C-alpha cells in the first residue's frame, strides 16, 4: 500500500533531520509523537504532524513498534528519500514515468500529473472532500517539488511554463538522478 499524504517539502533535504529528531528515541504513542512534531517543527495542527509522521515512516526515518513510534538511525540522504518515495508514495511511479517522457518544450506540470492520476484518486478521498480536485492538484505540486529536492526532477523555467508576471504553473523534466537510474 502506498502513502497518500505528501507534506510541504522543506527548502533543503537537511531539514528532514529536524523532523526526524522530533520523533523520540524511546517509543511514543501516535498522539505523543504528533504533539512533539507539532511543537518542535512548528506545524499548524495534529493532522499535519500525523502526515509528517506517516511520511517519515515511509522514508525509513521513523518506524512503528509495538509500543509506538521511534526514530531510526538512518540518515535522510537523497538515496534513502528517493527509495522511500519510489517504493511507498502514491503516484510516484506515474510521476517518474511522466518525467522520463517530458522535455523542456513539454514539461510535466502539477495539472498534468493530476490529470494522469485522477482516476486513481481513492473514492473515499473524493467523497470526503468537496474540493478534492484542488487538494489533489496541490498534492501533485508538492510531490513534484519533493522529486526536485532529491534530483529526480528538475524545474523548467524558460518562460514556457510560467507567464511573464510569474503566474502559471512550473513545469518539470527528469532530474539527473532519474536520468542516471
N, C-alpha and C. Protein backbone atom coordinates (compact mmCIF):
# COMPACT_ATOMS: atom_id res chain seq x y z
N UNK A 1 0.84 -1.18 0.00
CA UNK A 1 0.00 0.00 0.00
C UNK A 1 0.89 1.25 0.00
N UNK A 2 0.51 2.22 -0.79
CA UNK A 2 1.28 3.45 -0.91
C UNK A 2 0.65 4.56 -0.09
N UNK A 3 1.51 5.40 0.45
CA UNK A 3 1.12 6.52 1.29
C UNK A 3 0.50 7.65 0.47
N UNK A 4 -0.58 8.24 0.98
CA UNK A 4 -1.21 9.37 0.29
C UNK A 4 -0.68 10.72 0.75
N UNK A 5 -0.50 10.96 2.06
CA UNK A 5 -0.05 12.31 2.45
C UNK A 5 1.33 12.65 1.91
N UNK A 6 1.43 13.86 1.39
CA UNK A 6 2.70 14.39 0.91
C UNK A 6 2.82 15.79 1.51
N UNK A 7 3.60 15.93 2.59
CA UNK A 7 3.73 17.24 3.22
C UNK A 7 4.51 18.21 2.34
N UNK A 8 4.42 19.47 2.71
CA UNK A 8 5.17 20.52 2.02
C UNK A 8 6.66 20.20 2.13
N UNK A 9 7.38 20.14 1.02
CA UNK A 9 8.81 19.82 1.11
C UNK A 9 9.60 20.97 1.73
N UNK A 10 10.64 20.64 2.46
CA UNK A 10 11.48 21.70 3.02
C UNK A 10 12.33 22.33 1.91
N UNK A 11 12.96 23.44 2.22
CA UNK A 11 13.80 24.12 1.24
C UNK A 11 15.03 23.29 0.91
N UNK A 12 15.51 22.53 1.88
CA UNK A 12 16.66 21.66 1.63
C UNK A 12 16.48 20.35 2.37
N UNK A 13 17.09 19.32 1.86
CA UNK A 13 16.94 17.97 2.39
C UNK A 13 17.40 17.86 3.85
N UNK A 14 18.41 18.62 4.22
CA UNK A 14 18.94 18.57 5.58
C UNK A 14 17.87 18.89 6.63
N UNK A 15 16.84 19.62 6.25
CA UNK A 15 15.77 19.96 7.19
C UNK A 15 14.99 18.73 7.64
N UNK A 16 15.07 17.63 6.90
CA UNK A 16 14.39 16.40 7.32
C UNK A 16 14.93 15.91 8.66
N UNK A 17 16.17 16.21 8.95
CA UNK A 17 16.77 15.79 10.22
C UNK A 17 15.99 16.37 11.39
N UNK A 18 15.54 17.62 11.27
CA UNK A 18 14.76 18.25 12.34
C UNK A 18 13.46 17.48 12.57
N UNK A 19 12.80 17.10 11.50
CA UNK A 19 11.54 16.35 11.64
C UNK A 19 11.82 14.98 12.25
N UNK A 20 12.87 14.33 11.79
CA UNK A 20 13.22 13.01 12.31
C UNK A 20 13.54 13.08 13.80
N UNK A 21 14.29 14.08 14.20
CA UNK A 21 14.68 14.22 15.62
C UNK A 21 13.53 14.60 16.52
N UNK A 22 12.45 15.08 15.96
CA UNK A 22 11.28 15.39 16.77
C UNK A 22 10.58 14.11 17.25
N UNK A 23 10.84 13.01 16.57
CA UNK A 23 10.27 11.72 16.98
C UNK A 23 11.22 11.13 18.03
N UNK A 24 10.68 10.61 19.13
CA UNK A 24 11.54 10.17 20.23
C UNK A 24 12.36 8.92 19.92
N UNK A 25 13.43 8.75 20.70
CA UNK A 25 14.24 7.53 20.65
C UNK A 25 13.56 6.40 21.41
N UNK A 26 12.79 6.77 22.43
CA UNK A 26 12.01 5.80 23.21
C UNK A 26 10.60 5.81 22.61
N UNK A 27 10.03 4.65 22.33
CA UNK A 27 8.73 4.62 21.66
C UNK A 27 7.69 5.52 22.31
N UNK A 28 6.99 6.24 21.45
CA UNK A 28 5.92 7.12 21.90
C UNK A 28 4.66 6.86 21.11
N UNK A 29 3.53 7.14 21.73
CA UNK A 29 2.24 6.94 21.07
C UNK A 29 2.13 7.89 19.88
N UNK A 30 1.19 7.62 19.03
CA UNK A 30 0.95 8.49 17.89
C UNK A 30 0.65 9.90 18.37
N UNK A 31 -0.20 10.02 19.39
CA UNK A 31 -0.55 11.35 19.91
C UNK A 31 0.68 12.07 20.44
N UNK A 32 1.52 11.36 21.20
CA UNK A 32 2.74 11.98 21.73
C UNK A 32 3.68 12.42 20.61
N UNK A 33 3.86 11.56 19.63
CA UNK A 33 4.76 11.88 18.52
C UNK A 33 4.22 13.06 17.70
N UNK A 34 2.92 13.08 17.48
CA UNK A 34 2.33 14.20 16.74
C UNK A 34 2.48 15.50 17.52
N UNK A 35 2.31 15.44 18.83
CA UNK A 35 2.48 16.64 19.66
C UNK A 35 3.92 17.14 19.57
N UNK A 36 4.87 16.22 19.63
CA UNK A 36 6.29 16.61 19.54
C UNK A 36 6.60 17.22 18.17
N UNK A 37 6.12 16.59 17.11
CA UNK A 37 6.34 17.13 15.77
C UNK A 37 5.71 18.52 15.64
N UNK A 38 4.49 18.65 16.12
CA UNK A 38 3.80 19.94 16.03
C UNK A 38 4.57 21.03 16.76
N UNK A 39 5.01 20.71 17.98
CA UNK A 39 5.71 21.70 18.81
C UNK A 39 7.11 22.00 18.29
N UNK A 40 7.87 20.98 17.97
CA UNK A 40 9.28 21.16 17.60
C UNK A 40 9.49 21.62 16.16
N UNK A 41 8.52 21.33 15.31
CA UNK A 41 8.68 21.69 13.89
C UNK A 41 7.70 22.77 13.45
N UNK A 42 7.02 23.36 14.42
CA UNK A 42 6.11 24.48 14.16
C UNK A 42 5.04 24.12 13.12
N UNK A 43 4.41 22.97 13.32
CA UNK A 43 3.34 22.55 12.43
C UNK A 43 2.02 23.11 12.94
N UNK A 44 1.10 23.45 12.05
CA UNK A 44 -0.13 24.14 12.47
C UNK A 44 -1.15 23.29 13.23
N UNK A 45 -1.12 21.95 13.01
CA UNK A 45 -2.15 21.13 13.66
C UNK A 45 -1.71 19.67 13.71
N UNK A 46 -2.53 18.87 14.40
CA UNK A 46 -2.21 17.46 14.57
C UNK A 46 -2.23 16.71 13.24
N UNK A 47 -3.14 17.07 12.36
CA UNK A 47 -3.22 16.38 11.07
C UNK A 47 -1.93 16.52 10.28
N UNK A 48 -1.38 17.73 10.24
CA UNK A 48 -0.10 17.93 9.53
C UNK A 48 1.00 17.11 10.19
N UNK A 49 0.99 17.08 11.52
CA UNK A 49 2.00 16.29 12.24
C UNK A 49 1.83 14.81 11.93
N UNK A 50 0.60 14.34 11.89
CA UNK A 50 0.34 12.94 11.57
C UNK A 50 0.78 12.61 10.14
N UNK A 51 0.56 13.54 9.22
CA UNK A 51 1.02 13.35 7.84
C UNK A 51 2.54 13.23 7.81
N UNK A 52 3.23 14.08 8.56
CA UNK A 52 4.69 14.02 8.62
C UNK A 52 5.16 12.71 9.23
N UNK A 53 4.50 12.26 10.28
CA UNK A 53 4.87 11.01 10.93
C UNK A 53 4.76 9.85 9.94
N UNK A 54 3.67 9.79 9.21
CA UNK A 54 3.48 8.73 8.20
C UNK A 54 4.51 8.85 7.09
N UNK A 55 4.78 10.07 6.66
CA UNK A 55 5.75 10.30 5.58
C UNK A 55 7.15 9.89 6.01
N UNK A 56 7.55 10.27 7.22
CA UNK A 56 8.87 9.89 7.74
C UNK A 56 8.99 8.37 7.84
N UNK A 57 7.91 7.72 8.20
CA UNK A 57 7.90 6.25 8.27
C UNK A 57 8.13 5.66 6.89
N UNK A 58 7.46 6.20 5.88
CA UNK A 58 7.62 5.72 4.52
C UNK A 58 9.04 5.90 4.02
N UNK A 59 9.70 6.96 4.47
CA UNK A 59 11.08 7.23 4.06
C UNK A 59 12.09 6.40 4.85
N UNK A 60 11.62 5.65 5.85
CA UNK A 60 12.53 4.83 6.66
C UNK A 60 13.24 5.60 7.75
N UNK A 61 12.76 6.81 8.05
CA UNK A 61 13.39 7.64 9.07
C UNK A 61 12.74 7.46 10.44
N UNK A 62 11.58 6.82 10.45
CA UNK A 62 10.81 6.52 11.67
C UNK A 62 10.26 5.12 11.49
N UNK A 63 10.12 4.40 12.58
CA UNK A 63 9.46 3.10 12.48
C UNK A 63 8.45 2.95 13.61
N UNK A 64 7.48 2.09 13.37
CA UNK A 64 6.46 1.83 14.37
C UNK A 64 6.78 0.52 15.06
N UNK A 65 6.74 0.53 16.39
CA UNK A 65 6.96 -0.66 17.19
C UNK A 65 5.66 -1.01 17.91
N UNK A 66 5.69 -2.08 18.68
CA UNK A 66 4.52 -2.46 19.48
C UNK A 66 4.15 -1.37 20.48
N UNK A 67 5.14 -0.59 20.89
CA UNK A 67 4.91 0.43 21.92
C UNK A 67 4.79 1.84 21.36
N UNK A 68 4.89 1.99 20.04
CA UNK A 68 4.74 3.31 19.45
C UNK A 68 5.82 3.59 18.42
N UNK A 69 5.95 4.85 18.09
CA UNK A 69 6.89 5.27 17.05
C UNK A 69 8.23 5.68 17.66
N UNK A 70 9.30 5.38 16.91
CA UNK A 70 10.66 5.78 17.28
C UNK A 70 11.37 6.23 16.01
N UNK A 71 12.34 7.10 16.20
CA UNK A 71 13.15 7.47 15.03
C UNK A 71 14.19 6.38 14.81
N UNK A 72 14.60 6.24 13.59
CA UNK A 72 15.61 5.25 13.24
C UNK A 72 16.98 5.93 13.20
N UNK A 73 18.01 5.13 13.06
CA UNK A 73 19.37 5.66 12.94
C UNK A 73 19.69 6.08 11.51
N UNK A 74 18.78 5.83 10.60
CA UNK A 74 19.01 6.15 9.18
C UNK A 74 19.14 7.65 8.97
N UNK A 75 20.04 8.01 8.12
CA UNK A 75 20.22 9.42 7.75
C UNK A 75 19.28 9.75 6.58
N UNK A 76 18.75 10.96 6.56
CA UNK A 76 17.87 11.36 5.44
C UNK A 76 18.69 11.75 4.21
N UNK A 77 19.34 10.77 3.63
CA UNK A 77 20.16 11.01 2.43
C UNK A 77 19.27 11.08 1.19
N UNK A 78 19.79 11.68 0.14
CA UNK A 78 19.00 11.71 -1.10
C UNK A 78 18.62 10.30 -1.57
N UNK A 79 19.54 9.36 -1.45
CA UNK A 79 19.26 7.99 -1.90
C UNK A 79 18.12 7.37 -1.09
N UNK A 80 18.16 7.54 0.24
CA UNK A 80 17.11 6.97 1.10
C UNK A 80 15.76 7.61 0.78
N UNK A 81 15.74 8.91 0.62
CA UNK A 81 14.48 9.60 0.33
C UNK A 81 13.96 9.18 -1.04
N UNK A 82 14.85 9.08 -2.02
CA UNK A 82 14.43 8.60 -3.35
C UNK A 82 13.78 7.22 -3.25
N UNK A 83 14.44 6.33 -2.53
CA UNK A 83 13.91 4.97 -2.39
C UNK A 83 12.56 4.98 -1.70
N UNK A 84 12.43 5.74 -0.62
CA UNK A 84 11.16 5.83 0.09
C UNK A 84 10.05 6.38 -0.78
N UNK A 85 10.36 7.40 -1.54
CA UNK A 85 9.37 7.97 -2.45
C UNK A 85 8.96 6.95 -3.51
N UNK A 86 9.95 6.33 -4.14
CA UNK A 86 9.67 5.35 -5.20
C UNK A 86 8.83 4.17 -4.70
N UNK A 87 9.19 3.68 -3.53
CA UNK A 87 8.57 2.45 -3.02
C UNK A 87 7.26 2.68 -2.26
N UNK A 88 7.09 3.87 -1.68
CA UNK A 88 5.97 3.99 -0.76
C UNK A 88 4.99 5.12 -0.93
N UNK A 89 5.17 5.99 -1.92
CA UNK A 89 4.28 7.15 -2.04
C UNK A 89 3.42 7.03 -3.29
N UNK A 90 2.13 7.19 -3.10
CA UNK A 90 1.15 7.09 -4.17
C UNK A 90 1.47 8.08 -5.29
N UNK A 91 1.42 7.60 -6.50
CA UNK A 91 1.59 8.34 -7.75
C UNK A 91 3.04 8.69 -8.09
N UNK A 92 4.01 8.23 -7.31
CA UNK A 92 5.40 8.47 -7.68
C UNK A 92 5.76 7.71 -8.95
N UNK A 93 5.38 6.44 -9.11
CA UNK A 93 5.72 5.76 -10.37
C UNK A 93 5.17 6.50 -11.60
N UNK A 94 3.95 6.99 -11.50
CA UNK A 94 3.36 7.73 -12.61
C UNK A 94 4.12 9.04 -12.86
N UNK A 95 4.50 9.71 -11.78
CA UNK A 95 5.26 10.95 -11.92
C UNK A 95 6.61 10.70 -12.59
N UNK A 96 7.29 9.65 -12.17
CA UNK A 96 8.60 9.33 -12.74
C UNK A 96 8.48 8.96 -14.22
N UNK A 97 7.46 8.22 -14.55
CA UNK A 97 7.23 7.86 -15.95
C UNK A 97 6.96 9.11 -16.79
N UNK A 98 6.15 10.00 -16.26
CA UNK A 98 5.86 11.26 -16.97
C UNK A 98 7.11 12.11 -17.13
N UNK A 99 7.93 12.16 -16.08
CA UNK A 99 9.17 12.94 -16.15
C UNK A 99 10.14 12.39 -17.18
N UNK A 100 10.21 11.06 -17.27
CA UNK A 100 11.08 10.44 -18.28
C UNK A 100 10.66 10.83 -19.70
N UNK A 101 9.37 10.97 -19.91
CA UNK A 101 8.85 11.29 -21.24
C UNK A 101 8.80 12.80 -21.52
N UNK A 102 9.04 13.60 -20.51
CA UNK A 102 8.92 15.06 -20.65
C UNK A 102 10.13 15.66 -21.36
N UNK A 103 9.92 16.85 -21.88
CA UNK A 103 11.00 17.62 -22.49
C UNK A 103 10.83 19.07 -22.04
N UNK A 104 11.85 19.88 -22.18
CA UNK A 104 11.68 21.29 -21.82
C UNK A 104 10.53 21.96 -22.58
N UNK A 105 10.28 21.51 -23.79
CA UNK A 105 9.18 22.06 -24.58
C UNK A 105 7.82 21.58 -24.07
N UNK A 106 7.80 20.39 -23.47
CA UNK A 106 6.56 19.82 -22.93
C UNK A 106 6.85 19.21 -21.56
N UNK A 107 7.06 20.07 -20.55
CA UNK A 107 7.38 19.57 -19.22
C UNK A 107 6.14 19.04 -18.50
N UNK A 108 6.38 18.32 -17.43
CA UNK A 108 5.30 17.83 -16.57
C UNK A 108 4.91 18.96 -15.63
N UNK A 109 3.63 19.22 -15.52
CA UNK A 109 3.12 20.20 -14.56
C UNK A 109 2.29 19.48 -13.52
N UNK A 110 1.98 20.17 -12.45
CA UNK A 110 1.12 19.57 -11.43
C UNK A 110 -0.25 19.22 -12.03
N UNK A 111 -0.77 20.09 -12.88
CA UNK A 111 -2.05 19.80 -13.53
C UNK A 111 -1.96 18.54 -14.40
N UNK A 112 -0.86 18.41 -15.14
CA UNK A 112 -0.69 17.24 -16.00
C UNK A 112 -0.57 15.97 -15.17
N UNK A 113 0.17 16.04 -14.07
CA UNK A 113 0.30 14.86 -13.21
C UNK A 113 -1.05 14.52 -12.58
N UNK A 114 -1.79 15.52 -12.14
CA UNK A 114 -3.12 15.26 -11.60
C UNK A 114 -4.01 14.61 -12.65
N UNK A 115 -4.00 15.16 -13.86
CA UNK A 115 -4.84 14.59 -14.93
C UNK A 115 -4.47 13.14 -15.20
N UNK A 116 -3.18 12.82 -15.15
CA UNK A 116 -2.72 11.45 -15.41
C UNK A 116 -3.08 10.49 -14.29
N UNK A 117 -3.30 11.00 -13.09
CA UNK A 117 -3.56 10.13 -11.93
C UNK A 117 -4.97 10.29 -11.37
N UNK A 118 -5.74 11.15 -11.93
CA UNK A 118 -7.08 11.47 -11.44
C UNK A 118 -7.94 10.22 -11.18
N UNK A 119 -7.91 9.28 -12.09
CA UNK A 119 -8.77 8.09 -11.96
C UNK A 119 -8.34 7.19 -10.80
N UNK A 120 -7.12 7.35 -10.32
CA UNK A 120 -6.67 6.50 -9.21
C UNK A 120 -6.74 7.19 -7.85
N UNK A 121 -7.32 8.39 -7.81
CA UNK A 121 -7.55 9.04 -6.51
C UNK A 121 -8.63 8.21 -5.80
N UNK A 122 -8.34 7.77 -4.58
CA UNK A 122 -9.30 6.92 -3.87
C UNK A 122 -10.69 7.56 -3.75
N UNK A 123 -11.70 6.73 -3.92
CA UNK A 123 -13.09 7.21 -3.87
C UNK A 123 -13.42 7.89 -2.55
N UNK A 124 -12.91 7.34 -1.45
CA UNK A 124 -13.24 7.96 -0.16
C UNK A 124 -12.63 9.35 -0.02
N UNK A 125 -11.52 9.62 -0.70
CA UNK A 125 -10.96 10.98 -0.69
C UNK A 125 -11.84 11.93 -1.49
N UNK A 126 -12.40 11.44 -2.56
CA UNK A 126 -13.31 12.26 -3.36
C UNK A 126 -14.58 12.56 -2.57
N UNK A 127 -15.07 11.55 -1.87
CA UNK A 127 -16.33 11.69 -1.14
C UNK A 127 -16.22 12.61 0.07
N UNK A 128 -15.09 12.62 0.74
CA UNK A 128 -14.99 13.40 1.97
C UNK A 128 -14.50 14.84 1.76
N UNK A 129 -14.07 15.15 0.56
CA UNK A 129 -13.53 16.49 0.28
C UNK A 129 -14.26 17.06 -0.93
N UNK A 130 -15.09 18.07 -0.70
CA UNK A 130 -15.86 18.66 -1.78
C UNK A 130 -14.94 19.28 -2.83
N UNK A 131 -13.77 19.71 -2.42
CA UNK A 131 -12.81 20.32 -3.34
C UNK A 131 -11.61 19.39 -3.55
N UNK A 132 -11.90 18.09 -3.73
CA UNK A 132 -10.84 17.09 -3.82
C UNK A 132 -9.91 17.33 -5.01
N UNK A 133 -10.43 17.86 -6.09
CA UNK A 133 -9.58 18.09 -7.26
C UNK A 133 -8.48 19.10 -6.92
N UNK A 134 -8.83 20.20 -6.27
CA UNK A 134 -7.82 21.18 -5.87
C UNK A 134 -6.84 20.56 -4.89
N UNK A 135 -7.34 19.79 -3.93
CA UNK A 135 -6.47 19.14 -2.94
C UNK A 135 -5.46 18.21 -3.61
N UNK A 136 -5.92 17.46 -4.58
CA UNK A 136 -5.02 16.51 -5.24
C UNK A 136 -4.11 17.19 -6.27
N UNK A 137 -4.53 18.31 -6.83
CA UNK A 137 -3.61 19.11 -7.67
C UNK A 137 -2.50 19.68 -6.79
N UNK A 138 -2.87 20.18 -5.62
CA UNK A 138 -1.87 20.70 -4.68
C UNK A 138 -0.91 19.60 -4.26
N UNK A 139 -1.44 18.40 -4.04
CA UNK A 139 -0.60 17.26 -3.67
C UNK A 139 0.37 16.93 -4.82
N UNK A 140 -0.12 16.98 -6.06
CA UNK A 140 0.75 16.71 -7.21
C UNK A 140 1.88 17.74 -7.27
N UNK A 141 1.57 18.99 -6.97
CA UNK A 141 2.60 20.03 -6.95
C UNK A 141 3.64 19.74 -5.86
N UNK A 142 3.19 19.39 -4.67
CA UNK A 142 4.14 19.07 -3.59
C UNK A 142 4.98 17.84 -3.95
N UNK A 143 4.35 16.85 -4.54
CA UNK A 143 5.07 15.64 -4.93
C UNK A 143 6.18 15.96 -5.94
N UNK A 144 5.87 16.76 -6.93
CA UNK A 144 6.89 17.14 -7.91
C UNK A 144 8.03 17.91 -7.24
N UNK A 145 7.71 18.76 -6.27
CA UNK A 145 8.76 19.51 -5.58
C UNK A 145 9.61 18.60 -4.69
N UNK A 146 9.03 17.53 -4.12
CA UNK A 146 9.84 16.53 -3.40
C UNK A 146 10.80 15.84 -4.37
N UNK A 147 10.31 15.55 -5.57
CA UNK A 147 11.17 14.89 -6.56
C UNK A 147 12.32 15.81 -6.98
N UNK A 148 12.07 17.12 -7.03
CA UNK A 148 13.14 18.08 -7.31
C UNK A 148 14.16 18.06 -6.16
N UNK A 149 13.67 18.00 -4.94
CA UNK A 149 14.54 18.04 -3.76
C UNK A 149 15.58 16.92 -3.77
N UNK A 150 15.22 15.78 -4.36
CA UNK A 150 16.16 14.64 -4.40
C UNK A 150 16.65 14.37 -5.82
N UNK A 151 16.54 15.37 -6.67
CA UNK A 151 17.12 15.35 -8.01
C UNK A 151 16.51 14.31 -8.95
N UNK A 152 15.28 13.90 -8.67
CA UNK A 152 14.57 13.03 -9.61
C UNK A 152 13.83 13.87 -10.66
N UNK A 153 13.65 15.15 -10.35
CA UNK A 153 13.02 16.09 -11.28
C UNK A 153 13.82 17.38 -11.26
N UNK A 154 13.70 18.13 -12.33
CA UNK A 154 14.35 19.43 -12.42
C UNK A 154 13.34 20.42 -12.97
N UNK A 155 13.25 21.60 -12.36
CA UNK A 155 12.28 22.59 -12.86
C UNK A 155 12.73 23.16 -14.21
N UNK A 156 11.75 23.46 -15.03
CA UNK A 156 11.98 24.14 -16.30
C UNK A 156 11.48 25.55 -16.10
N UNK A 157 12.35 26.51 -16.25
CA UNK A 157 11.94 27.89 -16.07
C UNK A 157 12.41 28.70 -17.26
N UNK A 158 11.78 28.42 -18.40
CA UNK A 158 12.19 29.07 -19.63
C UNK A 158 11.10 29.97 -20.21
N UNK A 159 10.12 30.30 -19.37
CA UNK A 159 9.03 31.14 -19.84
C UNK A 159 7.88 30.37 -20.43
N UNK A 160 8.10 29.10 -20.73
CA UNK A 160 7.02 28.30 -21.31
C UNK A 160 6.04 27.82 -20.24
N UNK A 161 6.57 27.56 -19.03
CA UNK A 161 5.70 27.01 -18.01
C UNK A 161 5.24 28.06 -17.00
N UNK A 162 5.72 29.28 -17.14
CA UNK A 162 5.27 30.38 -16.29
C UNK A 162 5.04 31.60 -17.16
N UNK A 163 4.03 32.36 -16.81
CA UNK A 163 3.78 33.57 -17.58
C UNK A 163 4.77 34.65 -17.17
N UNK A 164 4.81 35.74 -17.91
CA UNK A 164 5.78 36.81 -17.66
C UNK A 164 5.62 37.43 -16.29
N UNK A 165 4.41 37.43 -15.75
CA UNK A 165 4.20 38.04 -14.43
C UNK A 165 4.45 37.04 -13.29
N UNK A 166 4.96 35.85 -13.62
CA UNK A 166 5.28 34.88 -12.57
C UNK A 166 4.14 33.95 -12.23
N UNK A 167 2.97 34.22 -12.80
CA UNK A 167 1.85 33.31 -12.54
C UNK A 167 1.97 32.13 -13.48
N UNK A 168 1.17 31.15 -13.23
CA UNK A 168 1.20 29.98 -14.09
C UNK A 168 1.87 28.82 -13.38
N UNK A 169 1.96 27.76 -14.09
CA UNK A 169 2.44 26.54 -13.50
C UNK A 169 3.87 26.26 -13.87
N UNK A 170 4.62 25.82 -12.91
CA UNK A 170 6.00 25.42 -13.18
C UNK A 170 5.98 24.03 -13.82
N UNK A 171 6.86 23.83 -14.76
CA UNK A 171 7.00 22.53 -15.40
C UNK A 171 8.28 21.86 -14.96
N UNK A 172 8.32 20.54 -15.11
CA UNK A 172 9.46 19.75 -14.67
C UNK A 172 9.83 18.72 -15.71
N UNK A 173 11.11 18.39 -15.73
CA UNK A 173 11.63 17.32 -16.56
C UNK A 173 12.44 16.38 -15.64
N UNK A 174 12.91 15.29 -16.19
CA UNK A 174 13.69 14.33 -15.40
C UNK A 174 14.95 15.01 -14.85
N UNK A 175 15.22 14.75 -13.57
CA UNK A 175 16.44 15.24 -12.96
C UNK A 175 17.59 14.28 -13.22
N UNK A 176 18.77 14.70 -12.81
CA UNK A 176 19.97 13.88 -13.05
C UNK A 176 19.86 12.50 -12.43
N UNK A 177 19.31 12.40 -11.23
CA UNK A 177 19.21 11.10 -10.55
C UNK A 177 18.25 10.15 -11.29
N UNK A 178 17.23 10.71 -11.94
CA UNK A 178 16.30 9.87 -12.70
C UNK A 178 16.94 9.47 -14.03
N UNK A 179 17.65 10.38 -14.63
CA UNK A 179 18.31 10.07 -15.90
C UNK A 179 19.39 9.01 -15.72
N UNK A 180 20.03 9.00 -14.55
CA UNK A 180 21.09 8.03 -14.26
C UNK A 180 20.54 6.67 -13.84
N UNK A 181 19.26 6.62 -13.48
CA UNK A 181 18.69 5.36 -12.96
C UNK A 181 18.32 4.40 -14.06
